[in-house]
Amino acid sequence: MDKISQKDIDWLLNMDKSGAASTASKTGSPQRKKNTGFRVLFGLLMVIGLVVLPFFLLIRTSVFLNLSYGWNGWLALGGGISATVLLLLFYIFFLFRRIDNKKMLLKFSLGGIGALVFAFCFYGVMYISSVNAKSNDIREVYRSMHPILRVAIATTTLADNDLVVTDIQRQPEDYAAMGLPLNQRSLHYTQETGYVHAIDLRTIGRNEFRNILLRGSLEIMGLNTIRHTGTADHLHVSLPITE
């Protein structure tokens, strides 16, 4: 057998080191991808939990109390505000759980969060931007809409600032003017609650994916939706009447 030279030994040693490094690189790559994917998923869940969930809870709780327990719109909205404040307080106490003075934390957090949620709801029930209203007529009858619907629309415009309300309040003669049969049970009429329970949102000229996402979001909040194409492509959104 031929002698193995020192040069051959060095070559074999270098090859082993190179192979080991290559193997480590190959085994490490999937792990890094897995960690990156986990961080992205965790970040997405954090955004949903911290940003989306409080607004969802506000509307969903209000709708639930209104429909399931017959609470009037303002009282049900107050229940939704309370549930949202409790959720945000939980977030605060979790983030600052190392603070010893929990009473002071509760005092300042409760006042600040309560004022913030109340201010948003007050804005939602009182005002709609001209950007989100088809015309000044829509803005004039905005407060005729049920308060839960108003806050739901205000919440939706935070994520979809191009949202446009095209119709709110109607009279029976409006259907004849639009060339539609008279609808005696239209929720666009002022109901016994004293409010209009339906609105129309523009869907024409918008990305279809955004229309689908809009409809799904409103339905998750507990509102009824119907896609109409009779007079113009639009999304009919309503808060059911409790029997």
Protein backbone atom coordinates (compact mmCIF):
# COMPACT_ATOMS: atom_id res chain seq x y z
CA MET A 1 0.00 0.00 0.00
CA ASP A 2 1.32 3.41 -0.89
CA LYS A 3 2.20 5.71 1.93
CA ILE A 4 -0.20 8.46 2.80
CA SER A 5 1.59 11.76 2.75
CA GLN A 6 1.08 14.59 5.18
CA LYS A 7 -0.45 16.56 2.31
CA ASP A 8 -3.15 13.91 1.88
CA ILE A 9 -3.94 13.97 5.59
CA ASP A 10 -4.32 17.76 5.58
CA TRP A 11 -6.62 17.55 2.57
CA LEU A 12 -8.86 14.98 4.31
CA LEU A 13 -9.04 17.06 7.47
CA ASN A 14 -10.02 20.19 5.55
CA MET A 15 -12.67 18.25 3.64
CA ASP A 16 -14.21 17.04 6.93
CA LYS A 17 -14.35 20.55 8.30
CA SER A 18 -15.92 21.84 5.10
CA GLY A 19 -18.48 19.05 5.09
CA ALA A 20 -19.36 19.63 8.73
CA ALA A 21 -19.82 23.36 8.10
CA SER A 22 -21.97 22.66 5.07
CA THR A 23 -24.12 20.22 7.06
CA ALA A 24 -24.51 22.73 9.90
CA SER A 25 -25.52 25.38 7.40
CA LYS A 26 -28.13 23.13 5.84
CA THR A 27 -29.59 22.08 9.19
CA GLY A 28 -29.55 25.64 10.51
CA SER A 29 -31.37 27.19 7.57
CA PRO A 30 -34.77 25.53 8.19
CA GLN A 31 -34.52 26.43 11.85
CA ARG A 32 -33.93 30.08 11.03
CA LYS A 33 -36.90 30.02 8.65
CA LYS A 34 -39.03 28.43 11.36
CA ASN A 35 -38.03 31.09 13.88
CA THR A 36 -38.73 33.88 11.38
CA GLY A 37 -42.15 32.43 10.59
CA PHE A 38 -42.94 32.15 14.28
CA ARG A 39 -41.97 35.78 14.90
CA VAL A 40 -44.12 36.98 11.99
CA LEU A 41 -47.10 34.95 13.24
CA PHE A 42 -46.60 36.19 16.79
CA GLY A 43 -46.38 39.79 15.57
CA LEU A 44 -49.59 39.37 13.58
CA LEU A 45 -51.41 37.93 16.59
CA MET A 46 -50.14 40.82 18.72
CA VAL A 47 -51.51 43.36 16.24
CA ILE A 48 -54.87 41.59 16.14
CA GLY A 49 -55.01 41.33 19.92
CA LEU A 50 -53.88 44.85 20.77
CA VAL A 51 -55.44 46.82 17.91
CA VAL A 52 -58.29 44.89 16.30
CA LEU A 53 -59.80 42.96 19.22
CA PRO A 54 -60.81 46.00 21.36
CA PHE A 55 -62.78 47.54 18.48
CA PHE A 56 -64.35 44.19 17.63
CA LEU A 57 -65.33 43.64 21.27
CA LEU A 58 -66.86 47.12 21.46
CA ILE A 59 -69.28 46.53 18.59
CA ARG A 60 -69.88 42.80 19.07
CA THR A 61 -70.76 43.22 22.74
CA SER A 62 -73.09 46.13 21.98
CA VAL A 63 -74.90 44.17 19.27
CA PHE A 64 -75.15 41.11 21.51
CA LEU A 65 -76.65 43.04 24.42
CA ASN A 66 -79.07 44.81 22.09
CA LEU A 67 -80.29 41.72 20.26
CA SER A 68 -80.06 39.03 22.93
CA TYR A 69 -81.12 40.98 26.00
CA GLY A 70 -83.18 43.75 24.44
CA TRP A 71 -81.06 46.57 25.86
CA ASN A 72 -81.69 49.87 24.13
CA GLY A 73 -78.98 51.20 21.84
CA TRP A 74 -77.33 53.57 24.31
CA LEU A 75 -77.34 51.10 27.19
CA ALA A 76 -75.98 48.33 24.96
CA LEU A 77 -73.27 50.67 23.70
CA GLY A 78 -72.39 51.43 27.32
CA GLY A 79 -71.99 47.69 27.89
CA GLY A 80 -69.68 47.47 24.89
CA ILE A 81 -67.61 50.36 26.22
CA SER A 82 -67.31 48.65 29.62
CA ALA A 83 -66.15 45.37 28.06
CA THR A 84 -63.57 47.20 25.94
CA VAL A 85 -62.22 49.12 28.94
CA LEU A 86 -61.85 45.86 30.90
CA LEU A 87 -59.93 44.27 28.03
CA LEU A 88 -57.58 47.23 27.72
CA LEU A 89 -57.06 47.24 31.50
CA PHE A 90 -56.05 43.59 31.26
CA TYR A 91 -53.49 44.55 28.61
CA ILE A 92 -52.11 47.32 30.82
CA PHE A 93 -51.79 45.10 33.88
CA PHE A 94 -50.12 42.38 31.82
CA LEU A 95 -47.59 44.77 30.26
CA PHE A 96 -46.82 46.46 33.60
CA ARG A 97 -47.19 43.39 35.81
CA ARG A 98 -43.86 44.09 37.54
CA ILE A 99 -45.14 47.36 39.01
CA ASP A 100 -45.79 46.96 42.73
CA ASN A 101 -48.31 49.78 43.19
CA LYS A 102 -51.27 48.18 41.46
CA LYS A 103 -53.79 50.61 42.96
CA MET A 104 -52.07 53.62 41.40
CA LEU A 105 -51.75 51.76 38.10
CA LEU A 106 -55.49 50.99 38.17
CA LYS A 107 -56.38 54.58 39.05
CA PHE A 108 -54.47 56.17 36.18
CA SER A 109 -55.18 53.41 33.66
CA LEU A 110 -58.92 53.31 34.28
CA GLY A 111 -59.30 57.06 33.90
CA GLY A 112 -57.19 57.29 30.77
CA ILE A 113 -58.61 54.25 29.00
CA GLY A 114 -62.19 55.10 29.94
CA ALA A 115 -61.83 58.63 28.60
CA LEU A 116 -60.21 57.38 25.39
CA VAL A 117 -62.89 54.78 24.59
CA PHE A 118 -65.71 57.15 25.51
CA ALA A 119 -64.22 59.93 23.35
CA PHE A 120 -64.01 57.62 20.36
CA CYS A 121 -67.62 56.51 20.75
CA PHE A 122 -68.77 60.10 21.22
CA TYR A 123 -67.00 61.04 18.00
CA GLY A 124 -68.56 58.05 16.22
CA VAL A 125 -72.14 58.85 17.19
CA MET A 126 -71.88 62.57 16.49
CA TYR A 127 -69.81 62.97 13.35
CA ILE A 128 -69.08 61.48 9.95
CA SER A 129 -66.39 62.91 7.71
CA SER A 130 -67.33 64.33 4.31
CA VAL A 131 -64.85 61.84 2.88
CA ASN A 132 -67.03 58.99 4.15
CA ALA A 133 -70.40 60.48 3.15
CA LYS A 134 -71.71 60.53 -0.41
CA SER A 135 -73.31 63.95 0.05
CA ASN A 136 -74.20 66.59 2.61
CA ASP A 137 -77.68 65.05 2.81
CA ILE A 138 -76.09 61.89 4.21
CA ARG A 139 -74.25 63.90 6.84
CA GLU A 140 -77.46 65.70 7.82
CA VAL A 141 -79.34 62.46 8.54
CA TYR A 142 -76.35 60.66 10.04
CA ARG A 143 -77.64 61.01 13.59
CA SER A 144 -80.92 59.39 12.61
CA MET A 145 -78.99 56.13 12.36
CA HIS A 146 -78.91 53.72 15.31
CA PRO A 147 -75.98 54.59 17.65
CA ILE A 148 -74.47 51.11 17.44
CA LEU A 149 -74.45 51.37 13.65
CA ARG A 150 -72.81 54.78 13.86
CA VAL A 151 -69.99 53.52 16.07
CA ALA A 152 -69.60 50.44 13.85
CA ILE A 153 -69.14 52.67 10.79
CA ALA A 154 -66.70 54.92 12.66
CA THR A 155 -64.72 51.83 13.65
CA THR A 156 -64.69 50.50 10.10
CA THR A 157 -63.41 53.80 8.68
CA LEU A 158 -60.28 53.44 10.83
CA ALA A 159 -59.25 50.45 8.73
CA ASP A 160 -60.94 51.56 5.49
CA ASN A 161 -60.70 55.32 5.16
CA ASP A 162 -62.19 55.16 1.63
CA LEU A 163 -65.49 53.81 2.95
CA VAL A 164 -68.47 55.79 1.60
CA VAL A 165 -72.00 55.77 3.03
CA THR A 166 -74.39 56.23 0.11
CA ASP A 167 -77.80 56.03 1.80
CA ILE A 168 -79.29 56.07 5.29
CA GLN A 169 -82.82 57.33 5.79
CA ARG A 170 -85.61 56.76 3.26
CA GLN A 171 -89.30 57.51 2.84
CA PRO A 172 -91.79 55.22 1.00
CA GLU A 173 -91.84 57.56 -2.02
CA ASP A 174 -88.07 57.20 -2.40
CA TYR A 175 -88.52 53.65 -3.70
CA ALA A 176 -90.79 54.83 -6.51
CA ALA A 177 -88.26 57.52 -7.41
CA MET A 178 -85.56 54.83 -7.68
CA GLY A 179 -87.82 52.63 -9.82
CA LEU A 180 -88.06 49.96 -7.11
CA PRO A 181 -91.13 48.27 -5.65
CA LEU A 182 -92.32 49.67 -2.32
CA ASN A 183 -90.73 47.93 0.64
CA GLN A 184 -93.05 48.22 3.62
CA ARG A 185 -90.55 46.67 6.04
CA SER A 186 -87.47 48.56 4.99
CA LEU A 187 -85.02 49.16 7.83
CA HIS A 188 -84.14 52.44 6.10
CA TYR A 189 -87.35 53.81 7.61
CA THR A 190 -87.29 55.22 11.13
CA GLN A 191 -88.18 52.28 13.38
CA GLU A 192 -89.99 52.10 16.73
CA THR A 193 -86.63 52.56 18.42
CA GLY A 194 -86.57 56.07 16.96
CA TYR A 195 -83.63 55.28 14.69
CA VAL A 196 -82.90 54.02 11.18
CA HIS A 197 -81.49 50.49 11.32
CA ALA A 198 -79.94 50.21 7.84
CA ILE A 199 -77.37 51.94 5.66
CA ASP A 200 -75.86 51.41 2.23
CA LEU A 201 -72.12 51.36 1.59
CA ARG A 202 -70.48 51.90 -1.78
CA THR A 203 -68.89 48.85 -3.38
CA ILE A 204 -68.75 49.94 -7.02
CA GLY A 205 -65.34 51.09 -8.18
CA ARG A 206 -63.60 49.39 -5.26
CA ASN A 207 -61.27 46.42 -5.15
CA GLU A 208 -63.37 43.28 -4.78
CA PHE A 209 -61.08 41.85 -2.13
CA ARG A 210 -61.70 44.94 0.01
CA ASN A 211 -65.46 44.57 -0.52
CA ILE A 212 -65.33 40.95 0.65
CA LEU A 213 -63.19 41.89 3.63
CA LEU A 214 -65.56 44.73 4.51
CA ARG A 215 -68.60 42.49 4.39
CA GLY A 216 -66.93 39.77 6.43
CA SER A 217 -65.79 42.23 9.09
CA LEU A 218 -69.28 43.71 9.52
CA GLU A 219 -70.84 40.26 9.77
CA ILE A 220 -68.32 39.21 12.42
CA MET A 221 -69.41 42.26 14.40
CA GLY A 222 -72.96 40.83 14.36
CA LEU A 223 -74.50 43.05 11.68
CA ASN A 224 -76.53 41.76 8.72
CA THR A 225 -75.25 42.42 5.19
CA ILE A 226 -76.74 41.95 1.72
CA ARG A 227 -74.99 42.72 -1.55
CA HIS A 228 -77.43 44.65 -3.80
CA THR A 229 -76.99 45.39 -7.48
CA GLY A 230 -80.46 46.77 -8.28
CA THR A 231 -79.96 50.53 -8.49
CA ALA A 232 -76.19 50.52 -8.05
CA ASP A 233 -73.71 48.03 -6.69
CA HIS A 234 -73.71 48.55 -2.91
CA LEU A 235 -73.61 46.72 0.40
CA HIS A 236 -76.76 46.92 2.51
CA VAL A 237 -75.87 46.79 6.22
CA SER A 238 -78.48 46.54 8.95
CA LEU A 239 -78.92 46.05 12.66
CA PRO A 240 -81.80 43.59 13.14
CA ILE A 241 -84.89 44.60 15.08
CA THR A 242 -85.55 42.59 18.22
CA GLU A 243 -89.03 41.07 18.15
